[in-house]
Amino acid sequence: MAMRDDDDISHEISASEMVDALVRTCGRRLARQKAHLHVLRCVEARRTDEAAFWLAVRALLDRRMEIDPEETDRFH
C-alpha cells in the first residue's frame, strides 16, 4: 500500500475511531508507536493535514495510557 493511501485516511475516519481500530488489533503501546511513525512520515512528506490527524490519534492514545497504564485493550 502506498504511503498516501496508508496515511491519508483522515477524511474517512475520525481520530477516535482510528484509536479504537489500532488498539483492538495491536494493543495501546504498539498502536502509539504506529501512530508516531505515521506522524513522522507525514511531517517528512510535508503533509500537514495528515500529520495533524495522526498527532490527534497519538494524543488520544497517550491519554488512554495515562488513565490506565496497565490495561492493554487488545482484542484478538
Protein backbone atom coordinates (compact mmCIF):
# COMPACT_ATOMS: atom_id res chain seq x y z
CA MET A 1 0.00 0.00 0.00
CA ALA A 2 1.37 3.42 -0.89
CA MET A 3 2.15 5.87 1.86
CA ARG A 4 -0.51 8.23 0.59
CA ASP A 5 -3.17 5.52 0.79
CA ASP A 6 -1.99 4.47 4.24
CA ASP A 7 -1.74 7.93 5.81
CA ASP A 8 -4.46 9.93 4.09
CA ILE A 9 -7.32 8.35 5.97
CA SER A 10 -8.34 11.43 7.96
CA HIS A 11 -11.23 12.19 5.60
CA GLU A 12 -12.76 8.74 6.05
CA ILE A 13 -12.44 8.06 9.80
CA SER A 14 -12.18 10.07 13.00
CA ALA A 15 -9.12 10.03 15.22
CA SER A 16 -11.05 8.23 17.98
CA GLU A 17 -12.23 5.55 15.53
CA MET A 18 -8.64 5.07 14.39
CA VAL A 19 -7.52 4.73 18.01
CA ASP A 20 -10.12 2.04 18.63
CA ALA A 21 -9.12 0.14 15.50
CA LEU A 22 -5.41 0.28 16.29
CA VAL A 23 -5.87 -0.72 19.92
CA ARG A 24 -8.09 -3.65 19.00
CA THR A 25 -5.54 -5.00 16.57
CA CYS A 26 -2.23 -4.41 18.31
CA GLY A 27 -2.69 -3.01 21.83
CA ARG A 28 -2.08 0.52 23.03
CA ARG A 29 1.72 0.57 23.17
CA LEU A 30 2.22 -0.71 19.64
CA ALA A 31 -0.68 1.45 18.44
CA ARG A 32 1.10 4.52 19.82
CA GLN A 33 4.31 3.53 18.06
CA LYS A 34 2.44 3.10 14.80
CA ALA A 35 0.71 6.49 15.17
CA HIS A 36 4.05 8.14 15.94
CA LEU A 37 5.60 6.58 12.84
CA HIS A 38 2.76 7.95 10.72
CA VAL A 39 3.31 11.43 12.21
CA LEU A 40 6.99 11.32 11.30
CA ARG A 41 6.32 10.07 7.77
CA CYS A 42 3.70 12.76 7.15
CA VAL A 43 5.92 15.52 8.51
CA GLU A 44 8.80 14.30 6.37
CA ALA A 45 6.50 14.34 3.32
CA ARG A 46 5.21 17.82 4.32
CA ARG A 47 1.64 16.57 4.54
CA THR A 48 0.43 18.71 7.41
CA ASP A 49 -3.24 17.69 7.37
CA GLU A 50 -2.40 14.02 7.67
CA ALA A 51 0.26 14.74 10.29
CA ALA A 52 -2.32 16.64 12.35
CA PHE A 53 -4.68 13.66 12.15
CA TRP A 54 -2.01 11.23 13.35
CA LEU A 55 -0.95 13.65 16.10
CA ALA A 56 -4.55 13.61 17.33
CA VAL A 57 -4.52 9.80 17.25
CA ARG A 58 -1.28 9.72 19.22
CA ALA A 59 -2.61 12.22 21.78
CA LEU A 60 -5.72 10.09 22.35
CA LEU A 61 -3.55 7.02 22.82
CA ASP A 62 -1.36 8.91 25.31
CA ARG A 63 -4.45 9.94 27.24
CA ARG A 64 -5.65 6.34 27.42
CA MET A 65 -2.26 5.24 28.70
CA GLU A 66 -2.31 7.92 31.41
CA ILE A 67 -5.73 6.82 32.62
CA ASP A 68 -4.81 3.15 32.97
CA PRO A 69 -1.20 2.33 32.06
CA GLU A 70 -1.61 -1.41 32.82
CA GLU A 71 -4.58 -2.03 30.55
CA THR A 72 -3.73 -3.26 27.05
CA ASP A 73 -7.16 -3.10 25.39
CA ARG A 74 -6.01 -5.70 22.90
CA PHE A 75 -8.68 -7.91 21.36
CA HIS A 76 -7.77 -10.94 19.24
